[in-house]
Amino acid sequence: MAWELELTICSLITEHTPEGYLDVCRDRAKSRGIDVFNLNFNEYESPLAAFAAEENRELVATLEGCRRKTLVIFEGADALAPLECNETFWLRSFLVNSDASELVVIFLVTSEGKVRLFQDTEGAFYRDCVRLN
């Protein structure tokens, strides 16, 4: 329903998300023919390294020009919360300023990361997010 409701940017708080919830989201999206990408920032030394990694090239290309319904899940998205993280503002430019109507992005963050990423007036996604929990 996220596409019908035009929910492009969503957040989930890690500690309030039930075990297996993201697996259900991925499975249901795939069963409806929706492309699914998952990037876990905890597996990389920095957001720059994550976006530059060979295995994420298709994801980056999709972010830059999404042409069909796509669900992107960013786990460990606290890595994007620091104000000096240029990749966060790069990402915001695609999600907020372009026609991202085919794209739904879920940021899985801690409570602290949610505050810094979505509620800090200087944060990249200040007030541009729908809380899912």
N, C-alpha and C. Protein backbone atom coordinates (compact mmCIF):
# COMPACT_ATOMS: atom_id res chain seq x y z
N MET A 1 0.81 -1.21 0.00
CA MET A 1 0.00 0.00 0.00
C MET A 1 0.85 1.26 0.00
N ALA A 2 2.15 1.13 0.24
CA ALA A 2 3.01 2.31 0.33
C ALA A 2 2.97 3.14 -0.95
N TRP A 3 2.84 2.48 -2.10
CA TRP A 3 2.84 3.21 -3.37
C TRP A 3 1.52 3.96 -3.54
N GLU A 4 0.41 3.36 -3.16
CA GLU A 4 -0.88 4.04 -3.25
C GLU A 4 -0.94 5.24 -2.31
N LEU A 5 -0.28 5.12 -1.16
CA LEU A 5 -0.27 6.20 -0.17
C LEU A 5 0.87 7.19 -0.39
N GLU A 6 1.68 6.94 -1.40
CA GLU A 6 2.83 7.79 -1.74
C GLU A 6 3.78 7.95 -0.55
N LEU A 7 4.10 6.84 0.09
CA LEU A 7 5.05 6.82 1.19
C LEU A 7 6.43 6.49 0.61
N THR A 8 7.23 7.47 0.37
CA THR A 8 8.55 7.25 -0.22
C THR A 8 9.59 6.96 0.84
N ILE A 9 9.59 7.71 1.94
CA ILE A 9 10.61 7.59 2.97
C ILE A 9 9.95 7.17 4.27
N CYS A 10 10.34 5.99 4.77
CA CYS A 10 9.75 5.45 5.98
C CYS A 10 10.85 5.05 6.96
N SER A 11 10.51 5.03 8.24
CA SER A 11 11.49 4.60 9.24
C SER A 11 10.90 3.53 10.14
N LEU A 12 11.77 2.64 10.56
CA LEU A 12 11.45 1.64 11.56
C LEU A 12 12.50 1.73 12.65
N ILE A 13 12.07 1.73 13.89
CA ILE A 13 13.03 1.74 14.99
C ILE A 13 13.41 0.29 15.27
N THR A 14 14.70 0.03 15.21
CA THR A 14 15.22 -1.33 15.35
C THR A 14 14.65 -2.06 16.55
N GLU A 15 14.72 -1.42 17.71
CA GLU A 15 14.31 -2.10 18.94
C GLU A 15 12.80 -2.29 19.07
N HIS A 16 12.02 -1.68 18.19
CA HIS A 16 10.55 -1.85 18.22
C HIS A 16 10.04 -2.67 17.05
N THR A 17 10.95 -3.18 16.23
CA THR A 17 10.56 -3.94 15.05
C THR A 17 10.56 -5.43 15.38
N PRO A 18 9.44 -6.11 15.20
CA PRO A 18 9.37 -7.54 15.52
C PRO A 18 10.35 -8.37 14.68
N GLU A 19 10.87 -9.40 15.27
CA GLU A 19 11.76 -10.34 14.59
C GLU A 19 11.05 -10.88 13.34
N GLY A 20 11.72 -10.85 12.22
CA GLY A 20 11.18 -11.38 10.98
C GLY A 20 10.32 -10.42 10.18
N TYR A 21 10.06 -9.23 10.73
CA TYR A 21 9.19 -8.27 10.05
C TYR A 21 9.73 -7.88 8.67
N LEU A 22 11.02 -7.62 8.58
CA LEU A 22 11.60 -7.23 7.29
C LEU A 22 11.55 -8.37 6.29
N ASP A 23 11.70 -9.59 6.76
CA ASP A 23 11.59 -10.75 5.87
C ASP A 23 10.20 -10.83 5.27
N VAL A 24 9.19 -10.57 6.08
CA VAL A 24 7.81 -10.56 5.60
C VAL A 24 7.62 -9.45 4.56
N CYS A 25 8.16 -8.27 4.84
CA CYS A 25 8.07 -7.15 3.88
C CYS A 25 8.70 -7.53 2.55
N ARG A 26 9.90 -8.10 2.62
CA ARG A 26 10.61 -8.49 1.38
C ARG A 26 9.82 -9.54 0.61
N ASP A 27 9.36 -10.57 1.32
CA ASP A 27 8.63 -11.65 0.67
C ASP A 27 7.34 -11.17 0.02
N ARG A 28 6.60 -10.34 0.72
CA ARG A 28 5.33 -9.83 0.17
C ARG A 28 5.57 -8.93 -1.04
N ALA A 29 6.60 -8.10 -0.97
CA ALA A 29 6.93 -7.24 -2.10
C ALA A 29 7.30 -8.09 -3.32
N LYS A 30 8.17 -9.05 -3.12
CA LYS A 30 8.59 -9.91 -4.23
C LYS A 30 7.41 -10.68 -4.83
N SER A 31 6.49 -11.13 -3.98
CA SER A 31 5.34 -11.88 -4.47
C SER A 31 4.41 -11.02 -5.31
N ARG A 32 4.54 -9.71 -5.17
CA ARG A 32 3.72 -8.77 -5.96
C ARG A 32 4.51 -8.19 -7.13
N GLY A 33 5.68 -8.75 -7.42
CA GLY A 33 6.48 -8.30 -8.55
C GLY A 33 7.24 -7.01 -8.30
N ILE A 34 7.43 -6.66 -7.04
CA ILE A 34 8.15 -5.45 -6.67
C ILE A 34 9.62 -5.80 -6.48
N ASP A 35 10.51 -5.03 -7.09
CA ASP A 35 11.94 -5.23 -6.89
C ASP A 35 12.30 -4.90 -5.45
N VAL A 36 13.24 -5.64 -4.88
CA VAL A 36 13.65 -5.42 -3.50
C VAL A 36 15.17 -5.37 -3.42
N PHE A 37 15.67 -4.33 -2.76
CA PHE A 37 17.09 -4.19 -2.47
C PHE A 37 17.26 -4.05 -0.97
N ASN A 38 18.32 -4.62 -0.45
CA ASN A 38 18.64 -4.51 0.96
C ASN A 38 20.10 -4.12 1.09
N LEU A 39 20.37 -3.08 1.87
CA LEU A 39 21.75 -2.68 2.14
C LEU A 39 21.90 -2.53 3.64
N ASN A 40 22.84 -3.29 4.20
CA ASN A 40 23.10 -3.21 5.63
C ASN A 40 24.38 -2.43 5.83
N PHE A 41 24.27 -1.21 6.32
CA PHE A 41 25.43 -0.35 6.52
C PHE A 41 26.40 -0.90 7.55
N ASN A 42 25.93 -1.79 8.42
CA ASN A 42 26.80 -2.39 9.42
C ASN A 42 27.88 -3.28 8.80
N GLU A 43 27.71 -3.64 7.55
CA GLU A 43 28.66 -4.50 6.86
C GLU A 43 29.77 -3.72 6.15
N TYR A 44 29.76 -2.40 6.26
CA TYR A 44 30.72 -1.55 5.55
C TYR A 44 31.35 -0.57 6.52
N GLU A 45 32.52 -0.09 6.16
CA GLU A 45 33.22 0.85 7.03
C GLU A 45 32.60 2.25 7.02
N SER A 46 31.85 2.57 5.97
CA SER A 46 31.22 3.89 5.86
C SER A 46 30.10 3.84 4.83
N PRO A 47 29.21 4.83 4.84
CA PRO A 47 28.19 4.89 3.79
C PRO A 47 28.80 5.01 2.40
N LEU A 48 29.90 5.75 2.26
CA LEU A 48 30.57 5.86 0.97
C LEU A 48 31.02 4.49 0.48
N ALA A 49 31.62 3.71 1.35
CA ALA A 49 32.06 2.37 0.97
C ALA A 49 30.87 1.50 0.59
N ALA A 50 29.76 1.64 1.29
CA ALA A 50 28.57 0.85 0.98
C ALA A 50 28.03 1.19 -0.41
N PHE A 51 27.89 2.47 -0.70
CA PHE A 51 27.34 2.86 -2.01
C PHE A 51 28.32 2.60 -3.15
N ALA A 52 29.61 2.59 -2.85
CA ALA A 52 30.63 2.36 -3.88
C ALA A 52 30.90 0.88 -4.13
N ALA A 53 30.42 0.01 -3.27
CA ALA A 53 30.68 -1.42 -3.40
C ALA A 53 30.07 -1.98 -4.68
N GLU A 54 30.80 -2.86 -5.30
CA GLU A 54 30.38 -3.49 -6.55
C GLU A 54 28.99 -4.13 -6.41
N GLU A 55 28.76 -4.80 -5.30
CA GLU A 55 27.48 -5.50 -5.12
C GLU A 55 26.29 -4.55 -4.98
N ASN A 56 26.54 -3.26 -4.82
CA ASN A 56 25.44 -2.30 -4.67
C ASN A 56 25.27 -1.38 -5.88
N ARG A 57 25.96 -1.68 -6.96
CA ARG A 57 25.85 -0.82 -8.16
C ARG A 57 24.44 -0.77 -8.72
N GLU A 58 23.77 -1.90 -8.76
CA GLU A 58 22.40 -1.92 -9.28
C GLU A 58 21.47 -1.10 -8.38
N LEU A 59 21.69 -1.19 -7.07
CA LEU A 59 20.91 -0.38 -6.14
C LEU A 59 21.12 1.10 -6.39
N VAL A 60 22.36 1.52 -6.53
CA VAL A 60 22.66 2.94 -6.77
C VAL A 60 22.02 3.40 -8.08
N ALA A 61 22.13 2.58 -9.12
CA ALA A 61 21.51 2.93 -10.40
C ALA A 61 20.00 3.06 -10.25
N THR A 62 19.39 2.21 -9.45
CA THR A 62 17.95 2.28 -9.20
C THR A 62 17.60 3.56 -8.44
N LEU A 63 18.40 3.91 -7.44
CA LEU A 63 18.15 5.14 -6.69
C LEU A 63 18.23 6.37 -7.61
N GLU A 64 19.16 6.33 -8.54
CA GLU A 64 19.37 7.47 -9.44
C GLU A 64 18.31 7.57 -10.53
N GLY A 65 17.62 6.49 -10.80
CA GLY A 65 16.60 6.52 -11.85
C GLY A 65 15.65 5.35 -11.76
N CYS A 66 14.82 5.33 -10.76
CA CYS A 66 13.90 4.22 -10.54
C CYS A 66 12.77 4.26 -11.58
N ARG A 67 12.55 3.13 -12.23
CA ARG A 67 11.56 3.08 -13.31
C ARG A 67 10.40 2.12 -13.03
N ARG A 68 10.49 1.35 -11.94
CA ARG A 68 9.41 0.44 -11.58
C ARG A 68 9.33 0.33 -10.07
N LYS A 69 8.23 -0.20 -9.57
CA LYS A 69 8.05 -0.29 -8.12
C LYS A 69 9.23 -1.04 -7.49
N THR A 70 9.84 -0.36 -6.51
CA THR A 70 11.02 -0.90 -5.86
C THR A 70 10.97 -0.57 -4.37
N LEU A 71 11.30 -1.58 -3.56
CA LEU A 71 11.43 -1.41 -2.12
C LEU A 71 12.91 -1.49 -1.78
N VAL A 72 13.42 -0.48 -1.08
CA VAL A 72 14.80 -0.47 -0.63
C VAL A 72 14.78 -0.44 0.89
N ILE A 73 15.52 -1.37 1.50
CA ILE A 73 15.62 -1.42 2.95
C ILE A 73 17.06 -1.13 3.34
N PHE A 74 17.24 -0.08 4.13
CA PHE A 74 18.55 0.29 4.65
C PHE A 74 18.62 -0.12 6.11
N GLU A 75 19.33 -1.20 6.39
CA GLU A 75 19.54 -1.61 7.77
C GLU A 75 20.78 -0.89 8.31
N GLY A 76 20.80 -0.65 9.61
CA GLY A 76 21.93 0.07 10.20
C GLY A 76 22.04 1.48 9.66
N ALA A 77 20.90 2.08 9.37
CA ALA A 77 20.87 3.40 8.75
C ALA A 77 21.33 4.52 9.67
N ASP A 78 21.67 4.19 10.91
CA ASP A 78 22.27 5.19 11.80
C ASP A 78 23.56 5.74 11.19
N ALA A 79 24.20 4.95 10.34
CA ALA A 79 25.43 5.40 9.68
C ALA A 79 25.19 6.65 8.83
N LEU A 80 23.94 6.87 8.42
CA LEU A 80 23.60 8.04 7.61
C LEU A 80 23.24 9.26 8.44
N ALA A 81 23.14 9.12 9.75
CA ALA A 81 22.65 10.19 10.62
C ALA A 81 23.61 11.36 10.83
N PRO A 82 24.94 11.16 10.86
CA PRO A 82 25.82 12.32 11.11
C PRO A 82 25.63 13.44 10.08
N LEU A 83 25.62 14.66 10.55
CA LEU A 83 25.41 15.80 9.66
C LEU A 83 26.50 15.93 8.60
N GLU A 84 27.69 15.43 8.89
CA GLU A 84 28.78 15.54 7.92
C GLU A 84 28.79 14.39 6.90
N CYS A 85 27.77 13.55 6.91
CA CYS A 85 27.70 12.42 5.97
C CYS A 85 27.16 12.90 4.62
N ASN A 86 28.06 13.12 3.67
CA ASN A 86 27.66 13.62 2.36
C ASN A 86 26.74 12.67 1.62
N GLU A 87 26.91 11.38 1.83
CA GLU A 87 26.09 10.38 1.14
C GLU A 87 24.62 10.50 1.53
N THR A 88 24.35 10.95 2.73
CA THR A 88 22.96 11.13 3.16
C THR A 88 22.29 12.23 2.35
N PHE A 89 23.00 13.31 2.13
CA PHE A 89 22.43 14.42 1.36
C PHE A 89 22.33 14.06 -0.12
N TRP A 90 23.28 13.25 -0.61
CA TRP A 90 23.21 12.72 -1.99
C TRP A 90 21.94 11.87 -2.12
N LEU A 91 21.71 10.99 -1.16
CA LEU A 91 20.54 10.12 -1.17
C LEU A 91 19.27 10.95 -1.09
N ARG A 92 19.24 11.94 -0.23
CA ARG A 92 18.07 12.80 -0.09
C ARG A 92 17.71 13.48 -1.42
N SER A 93 18.72 13.88 -2.18
CA SER A 93 18.45 14.56 -3.44
C SER A 93 17.63 13.69 -4.39
N PHE A 94 17.86 12.38 -4.35
CA PHE A 94 17.09 11.48 -5.22
C PHE A 94 15.70 11.19 -4.67
N LEU A 95 15.61 11.10 -3.35
CA LEU A 95 14.35 10.72 -2.75
C LEU A 95 13.36 11.87 -2.59
N VAL A 96 13.86 13.08 -2.43
CA VAL A 96 12.98 14.21 -2.16
C VAL A 96 12.79 15.10 -3.39
N ASN A 97 13.84 15.32 -4.16
CA ASN A 97 13.78 16.30 -5.25
C ASN A 97 13.44 15.72 -6.61
N SER A 98 13.44 14.42 -6.74
CA SER A 98 13.15 13.83 -8.05
C SER A 98 11.79 13.14 -7.99
N ASP A 99 11.39 12.59 -9.11
CA ASP A 99 10.14 11.84 -9.15
C ASP A 99 10.44 10.42 -8.67
N ALA A 100 10.29 10.21 -7.38
CA ALA A 100 10.60 8.92 -6.78
C ALA A 100 9.31 8.14 -6.48
N SER A 101 8.30 8.33 -7.31
CA SER A 101 7.00 7.73 -7.03
C SER A 101 7.00 6.21 -7.10
N GLU A 102 7.98 5.61 -7.72
CA GLU A 102 8.07 4.15 -7.82
C GLU A 102 8.93 3.56 -6.71
N LEU A 103 9.50 4.39 -5.88
CA LEU A 103 10.48 3.97 -4.89
C LEU A 103 9.95 4.15 -3.47
N VAL A 104 10.09 3.11 -2.65
CA VAL A 104 9.78 3.17 -1.23
C VAL A 104 11.05 2.74 -0.50
N VAL A 105 11.52 3.59 0.42
CA VAL A 105 12.74 3.31 1.16
C VAL A 105 12.40 3.23 2.64
N ILE A 106 12.84 2.13 3.27
CA ILE A 106 12.67 1.96 4.71
C ILE A 106 14.04 2.06 5.36
N PHE A 107 14.16 2.98 6.30
CA PHE A 107 15.38 3.16 7.08
C PHE A 107 15.19 2.45 8.41
N LEU A 108 16.00 1.44 8.71
CA LEU A 108 15.96 0.77 10.00
C LEU A 108 17.01 1.42 10.88
N VAL A 109 16.56 2.13 11.91
CA VAL A 109 17.45 2.93 12.77
C VAL A 109 17.14 2.68 14.24
N THR A 110 18.10 3.04 15.09
CA THR A 110 17.85 3.04 16.53
C THR A 110 17.04 4.28 16.86
N SER A 111 16.54 4.35 18.07
CA SER A 111 15.79 5.54 18.50
C SER A 111 16.65 6.79 18.37
N GLU A 112 17.90 6.70 18.78
CA GLU A 112 18.81 7.85 18.69
C GLU A 112 19.06 8.25 17.23
N GLY A 113 19.27 7.25 16.37
CA GLY A 113 19.50 7.54 14.95
C GLY A 113 18.29 8.18 14.30
N LYS A 114 17.11 7.75 14.72
CA LYS A 114 15.87 8.33 14.18
C LYS A 114 15.79 9.81 14.50
N VAL A 115 16.15 10.15 15.73
CA VAL A 115 16.10 11.56 16.13
C VAL A 115 17.07 12.37 15.27
N ARG A 116 18.30 11.88 15.14
CA ARG A 116 19.31 12.63 14.38
C ARG A 116 19.00 12.69 12.89
N LEU A 117 18.44 11.64 12.34
CA LEU A 117 18.21 11.59 10.90
C LEU A 117 16.91 12.28 10.48
N PHE A 118 15.87 12.16 11.30
CA PHE A 118 14.55 12.62 10.87
C PHE A 118 13.95 13.76 11.72
N GLN A 119 14.49 14.00 12.91
CA GLN A 119 13.89 15.01 13.76
C GLN A 119 14.80 16.21 14.04
N ASP A 120 16.07 16.10 13.75
CA ASP A 120 17.01 17.22 13.91
C ASP A 120 16.73 18.21 12.79
N THR A 121 16.53 19.47 13.12
CA THR A 121 16.19 20.48 12.10
C THR A 121 17.29 20.63 11.05
N GLU A 122 18.51 20.21 11.35
CA GLU A 122 19.60 20.27 10.38
C GLU A 122 19.80 18.94 9.66
N GLY A 123 19.08 17.91 10.05
CA GLY A 123 19.23 16.59 9.46
C GLY A 123 18.74 16.54 8.02
N ALA A 124 19.30 15.65 7.26
CA ALA A 124 18.99 15.55 5.83
C ALA A 124 17.52 15.23 5.56
N PHE A 125 16.92 14.41 6.39
CA PHE A 125 15.54 14.00 6.15
C PHE A 125 14.56 14.59 7.16
N TYR A 126 14.89 15.76 7.68
CA TYR A 126 14.03 16.41 8.66
C TYR A 126 12.59 16.51 8.12
N ARG A 127 11.67 15.88 8.83
CA ARG A 127 10.23 15.90 8.51
C ARG A 127 9.88 15.31 7.14
N ASP A 128 10.77 14.53 6.56
CA ASP A 128 10.47 13.90 5.26
C ASP A 128 10.28 12.40 5.42
N CYS A 129 9.76 11.97 6.54
CA CYS A 129 9.70 10.55 6.83
C CYS A 129 8.37 10.19 7.46
N VAL A 130 7.90 8.99 7.15
CA VAL A 130 6.71 8.44 7.78
C VAL A 130 7.18 7.33 8.72
N ARG A 131 6.84 7.46 9.99
CA ARG A 131 7.21 6.43 10.97
C ARG A 131 6.30 5.23 10.81
N LEU A 132 6.89 4.04 10.75
CA LEU A 132 6.09 2.82 10.65
C LEU A 132 5.89 2.16 12.00
N ASN A 133 6.67 2.57 13.01
CA ASN A 133 6.46 2.04 14.35
C ASN A 133 6.87 3.06 15.39
